[in-house]
Amino acid sequence: MNINLSRPHAGSNLREQHATRSIFFIAGLGMASWAPLIPFAKSRLNIDDGTLGLLLFCIAAGSMLVMPFTGRLIAKLGCRTLILACALIFCFDLPFMMYVTSPVEIGVALLIFGAVNGLLDVSMNAQAVIVERESGQARMSGFHGFYSLGCIAGAGGISLLLWAGVMPLHAILLIVLLIALIVMQASGHLLAKRPQEAGESGGTLQALSHPGPLFIALLCFFIFLIEGAMLDWSAVFLHTERGMEKSQAGFGYTFYSIAVALGRLYGDRLVNAIGRQRMLMLGGFCAAAGLLLIVSVDLTGVSLAGFILAGIGLSNIVPILFTAAGNQPDVPSNFALSAVTLIGYAGLLSGPALIGFVARQFSLTAAFSAGVVILLLVGSSARRITR
């Protein structure tokens, strides 16, 4: 499959590009703004860690439950309607999570939160595929870069507001106001339902019966698994395997996140310069080299450098895979993206448990070492994905 984005009027849809970046930004903003508020919700509800873990699983459950239906919703309603509906629900659900007083109520709120995140994830990527295709140039990495910036703004903004003494409910209301303003500015340039969508047939699970989407989905499963391991196990690795203090072990994921954000913001330029095949190959090998440094050299500074290198390598792999999924010749992009995202989320959810199982049977170093092999295989598959 040859992904050819060249068009006679390359870059003519600048307003649609700006609107897409805005939606990726508010998706990250809304998702990450919840994280600093979790301790406050835990204290207000007076629940233990086990109950909190069960409640947080509702986010993942909500996302997984709606993803099989997202492709058909996009075909029926169009990206614009679905994105605006998700943003509206975000604006009500985020404050509601800081208002509820019982575990059942917040469980329902988190289930909705996860479902909205899943719907928004697929619909904004479906919009991104079309906008990128019509622009005539690579744009997907930059879109995902704005999601990373939104995450930084959400977590950092809420943390600063709380540090300044703002009440949690008031802090999240300020974030909701910002989301609403950004969405209103972008709404006029989101993609409405297009005539050709009316005739699309198939389904999310049916898309996996095609070799192309299935292979991309499997790669996404492993890449999301590795990304989840970076989030959940990087600090544990640096503390237990490299002897870093607990208070400093979080710097590994911090450096990794910054590298991912910067890599995505500059990724489109590199893709346009060297092509997706080389970019995917270099990304896989670069991330593999980073993990190899992390597991093979028993020096804290080298391990931190490995996290930076891994972040640079991983930063553009998922955007390239999503572009490939959205340009399959035999599967509508909305169904292919739903399928790929669904399987990717399965890797994200199962990753921490699989890493923990391998670490218990062997070691955490062995678990991270498996990632090196996976990334080498991803880099080696670049020709098949982008041809």
Protein backbone atom coordinates (compact mmCIF):
# COMPACT_ATOMS: atom_id res chain seq x y z
CA MET A 1 0.00 0.00 0.00
CA ASN A 2 1.50 3.26 -1.14
CA ILE A 3 0.64 6.25 1.05
CA ASN A 4 0.72 9.14 -1.39
CA LEU A 5 -0.31 12.45 0.13
CA SER A 6 0.65 14.70 -2.76
CA ARG A 7 -2.20 16.93 -3.97
CA PRO A 8 -2.38 19.87 -6.38
CA HIS A 9 -3.31 22.28 -3.60
CA ALA A 10 -1.00 21.14 -0.81
CA GLY A 11 -1.46 23.12 2.40
CA SER A 12 -4.69 24.78 1.18
CA ASN A 13 -6.71 23.64 4.24
CA LEU A 14 -4.81 25.59 6.88
CA ARG A 15 -7.94 26.40 8.90
CA GLU A 16 -8.86 22.73 9.10
CA GLN A 17 -5.29 21.95 10.20
CA HIS A 18 -5.46 24.57 12.97
CA ALA A 19 -8.85 23.24 14.09
CA THR A 20 -7.50 19.68 14.21
CA ARG A 21 -4.51 20.79 16.31
CA SER A 22 -6.92 22.53 18.68
CA ILE A 23 -8.98 19.36 19.15
CA PHE A 24 -5.90 17.24 19.83
CA PHE A 25 -4.82 19.87 22.36
CA ILE A 26 -8.14 19.88 24.27
CA ALA A 27 -8.19 16.05 24.24
CA GLY A 28 -4.86 16.00 26.06
CA LEU A 29 -5.90 18.94 28.25
CA GLY A 30 -9.09 17.27 29.41
CA MET A 31 -7.54 13.86 29.97
CA ALA A 32 -4.47 15.03 31.88
CA SER A 33 -6.27 17.60 34.04
CA TRP A 34 -7.92 14.75 35.93
CA ALA A 35 -4.63 13.19 37.10
CA PRO A 36 -3.63 15.84 39.72
CA LEU A 37 -7.18 15.76 41.12
CA ILE A 38 -7.20 12.03 41.88
CA PRO A 39 -5.79 12.42 45.44
CA PHE A 40 -8.48 15.00 46.25
CA ALA A 41 -11.22 12.71 44.95
CA LYS A 42 -9.78 9.82 46.97
CA SER A 43 -9.79 11.87 50.17
CA ARG A 44 -13.28 13.28 49.59
CA LEU A 45 -14.75 9.80 48.99
CA ASN A 46 -12.70 8.25 51.82
CA ILE A 47 -11.78 5.15 49.80
CA ASP A 48 -8.75 2.85 49.94
CA ASP A 49 -6.22 2.15 47.18
CA GLY A 50 -7.98 -1.01 46.05
CA THR A 51 -11.28 0.78 45.54
CA LEU A 52 -9.52 3.64 43.78
CA GLY A 53 -7.82 1.21 41.40
CA LEU A 54 -11.16 -0.37 40.56
CA LEU A 55 -12.73 3.03 39.94
CA LEU A 56 -9.86 4.14 37.71
CA PHE A 57 -10.33 0.99 35.64
CA CYS A 58 -13.74 2.43 34.69
CA ILE A 59 -11.89 4.91 32.43
CA ALA A 60 -10.33 2.10 30.43
CA ALA A 61 -13.56 0.10 30.44
CA GLY A 62 -15.51 3.06 29.07
CA SER A 63 -13.03 3.57 26.24
CA MET A 64 -12.96 -0.09 25.26
CA LEU A 65 -16.76 -0.42 25.33
CA VAL A 66 -17.42 2.38 22.83
CA MET A 67 -14.54 1.88 20.39
CA PRO A 68 -16.16 -0.97 18.41
CA PHE A 69 -19.06 1.40 17.59
CA THR A 70 -17.07 4.58 16.90
CA GLY A 71 -16.40 3.86 13.22
CA ARG A 72 -20.10 3.49 12.48
CA LEU A 73 -20.91 6.65 14.45
CA ILE A 74 -18.37 8.61 12.38
CA ALA A 75 -19.89 7.25 9.17
CA LYS A 76 -23.38 8.22 10.34
CA LEU A 77 -22.71 11.57 12.02
CA GLY A 78 -19.37 12.80 10.67
CA CYS A 79 -16.30 13.85 12.66
CA ARG A 80 -17.57 17.33 13.54
CA THR A 81 -20.77 16.24 15.30
CA LEU A 82 -19.02 13.51 17.26
CA ILE A 83 -16.11 15.75 18.33
CA LEU A 84 -18.44 18.55 19.47
CA ALA A 85 -20.62 16.08 21.40
CA CYS A 86 -17.53 14.70 23.16
CA ALA A 87 -16.30 18.18 24.05
CA LEU A 88 -19.71 19.10 25.46
CA ILE A 89 -19.83 15.98 27.64
CA PHE A 90 -16.25 16.65 28.80
CA CYS A 91 -17.33 20.11 29.98
CA PHE A 92 -20.07 18.62 32.17
CA ASP A 93 -18.36 15.42 33.30
CA LEU A 94 -15.06 16.92 34.54
CA PRO A 95 -16.70 19.20 37.15
CA PHE A 96 -19.18 16.45 38.05
CA MET A 97 -16.27 14.19 39.06
CA MET A 98 -15.19 16.82 41.59
CA TYR A 99 -18.74 17.24 42.90
CA VAL A 100 -19.90 13.65 43.49
CA THR A 101 -19.80 12.21 46.99
CA SER A 102 -20.14 8.43 46.50
CA PRO A 103 -18.00 5.76 44.81
CA VAL A 104 -20.93 4.68 42.62
CA GLU A 105 -21.44 8.20 41.30
CA ILE A 106 -17.79 8.76 40.49
CA GLY A 107 -17.63 5.27 38.95
CA VAL A 108 -20.38 6.28 36.51
CA ALA A 109 -18.64 9.61 35.86
CA LEU A 110 -15.33 7.86 35.13
CA LEU A 111 -17.05 5.36 32.84
CA ILE A 112 -18.47 8.30 30.87
CA PHE A 113 -15.09 10.03 30.97
CA GLY A 114 -13.43 6.97 29.44
CA ALA A 115 -16.14 6.53 26.82
CA VAL A 116 -15.85 10.16 25.74
CA ASN A 117 -12.08 9.86 25.57
CA GLY A 118 -12.37 6.76 23.38
CA LEU A 119 -14.87 8.40 21.02
CA LEU A 120 -12.80 11.57 20.80
CA ASP A 121 -9.58 9.65 20.23
CA VAL A 122 -10.90 7.84 17.17
CA SER A 123 -12.93 10.73 15.73
CA MET A 124 -10.12 13.28 15.96
CA ASN A 125 -7.70 10.84 14.34
CA ALA A 126 -10.25 10.19 11.57
CA GLN A 127 -10.42 13.96 11.02
CA ALA A 128 -6.60 14.13 11.12
CA VAL A 129 -6.23 11.46 8.40
CA ILE A 130 -8.54 13.37 6.03
CA VAL A 131 -6.99 16.76 6.77
CA GLU A 132 -3.49 15.36 6.31
CA ARG A 133 -4.45 13.68 3.05
CA GLU A 134 -5.96 16.88 1.67
CA SER A 135 -3.03 19.02 2.81
CA GLY A 136 -0.66 17.01 0.60
CA GLN A 137 1.98 16.79 3.34
CA ALA A 138 2.68 14.88 6.54
CA ARG A 139 0.75 16.44 9.44
CA MET A 140 -0.11 13.58 11.79
CA SER A 141 2.95 13.82 14.06
CA GLY A 142 2.29 17.50 14.65
CA PHE A 143 -1.33 16.79 15.54
CA HIS A 144 -0.23 14.22 18.10
CA GLY A 145 2.38 16.69 19.34
CA PHE A 146 -0.44 19.06 20.29
CA TYR A 147 -2.04 16.23 22.28
CA SER A 148 1.22 15.96 24.23
CA LEU A 149 1.23 19.73 24.79
CA GLY A 150 -2.35 19.48 26.01
CA CYS A 151 -1.34 16.81 28.52
CA ILE A 152 1.48 19.01 29.81
CA ALA A 153 -0.86 22.02 30.02
CA GLY A 154 -3.60 20.03 31.77
CA ALA A 155 -1.46 18.35 34.41
CA GLY A 156 0.80 21.36 34.87
CA GLY A 157 -2.01 23.93 34.86
CA ILE A 158 -4.12 22.12 37.44
CA SER A 159 -1.05 21.50 39.61
CA LEU A 160 -0.13 25.19 39.55
CA LEU A 161 -3.68 26.24 40.36
CA LEU A 162 -3.84 23.82 43.30
CA TRP A 163 -0.42 24.99 44.49
CA ALA A 164 -1.74 28.57 44.40
CA GLY A 165 -4.59 27.58 46.70
CA VAL A 166 -7.42 27.34 44.16
CA MET A 167 -10.14 24.86 45.15
CA PRO A 168 -10.15 21.67 43.00
CA LEU A 169 -13.67 22.33 41.65
CA HIS A 170 -12.76 25.90 40.71
CA ALA A 171 -9.53 24.72 39.07
CA ILE A 172 -11.32 22.22 36.85
CA LEU A 173 -13.96 24.83 35.96
CA LEU A 174 -11.19 27.04 34.61
CA ILE A 175 -9.97 24.14 32.46
CA VAL A 176 -13.53 23.53 31.24
CA LEU A 177 -13.84 27.21 30.31
CA LEU A 178 -10.62 26.96 28.31
CA ILE A 179 -11.84 23.80 26.55
CA ALA A 180 -15.13 25.48 25.65
CA LEU A 181 -13.40 28.57 24.24
CA ILE A 182 -10.99 26.51 22.12
CA VAL A 183 -13.76 24.26 20.79
CA MET A 184 -15.95 27.23 19.86
CA GLN A 185 -13.05 28.74 17.93
CA ALA A 186 -12.33 25.47 16.11
CA SER A 187 -15.88 24.21 15.52
CA GLY A 188 -16.45 25.99 12.22
CA HIS A 189 -13.54 24.20 10.58
CA LEU A 190 -14.15 20.64 11.76
CA LEU A 191 -15.18 18.17 9.06
CA ALA A 192 -18.91 17.59 8.65
CA LYS A 193 -20.32 14.33 7.34
CA ARG A 194 -19.28 13.87 3.73
CA PRO A 195 -21.48 12.42 0.98
CA GLN A 196 -19.19 9.45 0.32
CA GLU A 197 -19.47 8.36 3.96
CA ALA A 198 -23.12 7.43 3.46
CA GLY A 199 -22.19 4.38 1.38
CA GLU A 200 -19.51 3.05 3.65
CA SER A 201 -20.13 -0.43 4.95
CA GLY A 202 -18.40 -2.86 7.24
CA GLY A 203 -17.48 -2.53 10.89
CA THR A 204 -14.65 -2.10 13.35
CA LEU A 205 -14.15 -5.80 14.02
CA GLN A 206 -14.66 -6.66 10.36
CA ALA A 207 -11.75 -4.34 9.51
CA LEU A 208 -9.47 -6.72 11.40
CA SER A 209 -10.26 -9.47 8.89
CA HIS A 210 -8.11 -7.58 6.37
CA PRO A 211 -4.34 -8.28 6.58
CA GLY A 212 -3.29 -4.61 6.42
CA PRO A 213 -5.31 -3.23 9.34
CA LEU A 214 -4.69 -6.42 11.36
CA PHE A 215 -0.91 -6.13 11.01
CA ILE A 216 -0.97 -2.41 11.90
CA ALA A 217 -3.24 -3.15 14.88
CA LEU A 218 -0.78 -5.77 16.18
CA LEU A 219 2.08 -3.30 15.91
CA CYS A 220 -0.01 -0.71 17.77
CA PHE A 221 -0.70 -3.28 20.49
CA PHE A 222 3.02 -3.68 21.17
CA ILE A 223 3.87 0.02 20.82
CA PHE A 224 1.09 1.01 23.21
CA LEU A 225 2.29 -1.75 25.54
CA ILE A 226 5.79 -0.23 25.58
CA GLU A 227 4.39 3.28 26.08
CA GLY A 228 2.34 1.99 29.02
CA ALA A 229 5.45 0.38 30.47
CA MET A 230 7.24 3.74 30.29
CA LEU A 231 4.42 5.35 32.25
CA ASP A 232 3.93 2.67 34.91
CA TRP A 233 7.34 1.03 35.29
CA SER A 234 10.04 3.60 34.46
CA ALA A 235 10.21 5.04 37.99
CA VAL A 236 10.14 1.54 39.52
CA PHE A 237 12.98 0.45 37.22
CA LEU A 238 15.16 3.44 38.05
CA HIS A 239 14.59 2.95 41.78
CA THR A 240 14.97 -0.83 42.05
CA GLU A 241 17.48 -1.51 39.26
CA ARG A 242 19.53 1.70 39.21
CA GLY A 243 19.25 2.79 42.83
CA MET A 244 17.72 6.22 42.28
CA GLU A 245 15.87 7.83 45.16
CA LYS A 246 12.10 7.50 44.96
CA SER A 247 11.78 11.28 44.89
CA GLN A 248 13.97 11.44 41.76
CA ALA A 249 12.91 8.28 39.91
CA GLY A 250 10.10 10.11 38.12
CA PHE A 251 12.63 12.05 36.06
CA GLY A 252 12.93 9.11 33.65
CA TYR A 253 9.34 9.43 32.51
CA THR A 254 9.59 13.25 32.60
CA PHE A 255 12.53 13.23 30.17
CA TYR A 256 10.79 10.60 28.05
CA SER A 257 7.59 12.69 27.84
CA ILE A 258 9.46 15.85 26.84
CA ALA A 259 11.33 13.91 24.14
CA VAL A 260 8.05 12.50 22.79
CA ALA A 261 6.45 15.95 22.64
CA LEU A 262 9.43 17.54 20.89
CA GLY A 263 9.82 14.58 18.53
CA ARG A 264 6.19 14.86 17.44
CA LEU A 265 6.30 18.63 16.98
CA TYR A 266 9.27 18.29 14.62
CA GLY A 267 8.25 14.90 13.20
CA ASP A 268 6.27 16.18 10.22
CA ARG A 269 9.32 18.00 8.86
CA LEU A 270 11.37 14.84 9.04
CA VAL A 271 8.64 12.70 7.47
CA ASN A 272 8.29 15.19 4.60
CA ALA A 273 12.07 15.19 4.18
CA ILE A 274 12.92 11.48 4.37
CA GLY A 275 9.56 9.71 3.98
CA ARG A 276 7.45 7.52 6.28
CA GLN A 277 9.32 4.32 5.57
CA ARG A 278 12.69 5.67 6.68
CA MET A 279 11.10 7.55 9.58
CA LEU A 280 9.38 4.42 10.89
CA MET A 281 12.57 2.41 10.48
CA LEU A 282 14.73 5.01 12.22
CA GLY A 283 12.13 5.47 14.95
CA GLY A 284 12.00 1.76 15.75
CA PHE A 285 15.78 1.38 15.78
CA CYS A 286 16.28 4.61 17.78
CA ALA A 287 13.77 3.52 20.44
CA ALA A 288 15.37 0.06 20.54
CA ALA A 289 18.79 1.68 21.09
CA GLY A 290 17.32 3.76 23.92
CA LEU A 291 15.87 0.71 25.68
CA LEU A 292 19.15 -1.13 25.14
CA LEU A 293 21.00 1.67 26.95
CA ILE A 294 18.47 1.55 29.77
CA VAL A 295 18.85 -2.18 30.40
CA SER A 296 22.52 -2.76 29.58
CA VAL A 297 24.43 0.08 31.25
CA ASP A 298 24.22 0.26 35.04
CA LEU A 299 24.65 4.03 35.25
CA THR A 300 21.83 6.38 36.18
CA GLY A 301 22.86 9.10 33.73
CA VAL A 302 23.04 6.62 30.86
CA SER A 303 19.61 5.22 31.78
CA LEU A 304 18.12 8.71 31.72
CA ALA A 305 19.73 9.32 28.33
CA GLY A 306 18.17 6.03 27.21
CA PHE A 307 14.71 7.27 28.18
CA ILE A 308 15.28 10.41 26.09
CA LEU A 309 16.44 8.34 23.11
CA ALA A 310 13.48 5.97 23.50
CA GLY A 311 11.09 8.93 23.59
CA ILE A 312 12.57 10.40 20.41
CA GLY A 313 12.26 7.05 18.63
CA LEU A 314 8.74 6.24 19.81
CA SER A 315 7.37 9.74 19.25
CA ASN A 316 6.42 9.32 15.59
CA ILE A 317 5.69 5.60 15.36
CA VAL A 318 2.01 5.79 16.38
CA PRO A 319 1.25 8.81 14.12
CA ILE A 320 2.76 6.95 11.16
CA LEU A 321 0.81 3.79 11.98
CA PHE A 322 -2.43 5.78 12.27
CA THR A 323 -1.79 7.43 8.90
CA ALA A 324 -1.20 3.99 7.38
CA ALA A 325 -4.39 2.63 8.97
CA GLY A 326 -6.43 5.57 7.72
CA ASN A 327 -5.23 5.09 4.13
CA GLN A 328 -5.94 1.39 3.64
CA PRO A 329 -7.30 0.80 0.12
CA ASP A 330 -9.87 -1.83 1.09
CA VAL A 331 -11.16 -0.54 4.46
CA PRO A 332 -12.90 2.80 5.26
CA SER A 333 -10.61 4.95 7.42
CA ASN A 334 -13.12 5.33 10.27
CA PHE A 335 -13.43 1.56 10.73
CA ALA A 336 -9.70 0.92 10.31
CA LEU A 337 -8.82 3.59 12.88
CA SER A 338 -11.41 2.26 15.34
CA ALA A 339 -9.97 -1.24 15.02
CA VAL A 340 -6.34 -0.13 15.34
CA THR A 341 -7.11 2.10 18.35
CA LEU A 342 -9.11 -0.66 20.05
CA ILE A 343 -6.25 -3.17 19.79
CA GLY A 344 -3.75 -0.47 20.77
CA TYR A 345 -5.69 0.30 23.94
CA ALA A 346 -5.73 -3.42 24.72
CA GLY A 347 -1.93 -3.30 24.70
CA LEU A 348 -1.92 -0.19 26.87
CA LEU A 349 -4.19 -1.84 29.42
CA SER A 350 -2.55 -5.25 29.47
CA GLY A 351 1.01 -3.90 29.27
CA PRO A 352 1.57 -3.08 32.96
CA ALA A 353 0.29 -6.50 34.03
CA LEU A 354 2.40 -8.34 31.42
CA ILE A 355 5.49 -6.39 32.44
CA GLY A 356 4.78 -7.21 36.08
CA PHE A 357 4.39 -10.93 35.28
CA VAL A 358 7.67 -11.09 33.36
CA ALA A 359 9.43 -9.08 36.08
CA ARG A 360 8.18 -11.49 38.73
CA GLN A 361 9.24 -14.58 36.80
CA PHE A 362 12.59 -13.19 35.64
CA SER A 363 13.43 -9.52 36.29
CA LEU A 364 12.34 -6.03 35.37
CA THR A 365 15.45 -5.75 33.22
CA ALA A 366 14.36 -8.83 31.26
CA ALA A 367 10.89 -7.32 30.77
CA PHE A 368 12.37 -4.10 29.38
CA SER A 369 14.75 -6.13 27.21
CA ALA A 370 11.78 -7.73 25.45
CA GLY A 371 10.88 -4.25 24.29
CA VAL A 372 14.18 -4.02 22.41
CA VAL A 373 13.24 -7.05 20.30
CA ILE A 374 9.74 -5.70 19.66
CA LEU A 375 11.07 -2.32 18.51
CA LEU A 376 13.61 -3.95 16.19
CA LEU A 377 10.75 -5.89 14.60
CA VAL A 378 8.73 -2.68 14.22
CA GLY A 379 11.63 -0.95 12.51
CA SER A 380 12.14 -3.93 10.23
CA SER A 381 8.45 -3.90 9.21
CA ALA A 382 8.61 -0.31 7.90
CA ARG A 383 8.63 -1.36 4.25
CA ARG A 384 5.52 -3.51 4.62
CA ILE A 385 3.59 -0.76 6.47
CA THR A 386 4.41 2.12 4.15
CA ARG A 387 4.65 0.48 0.74
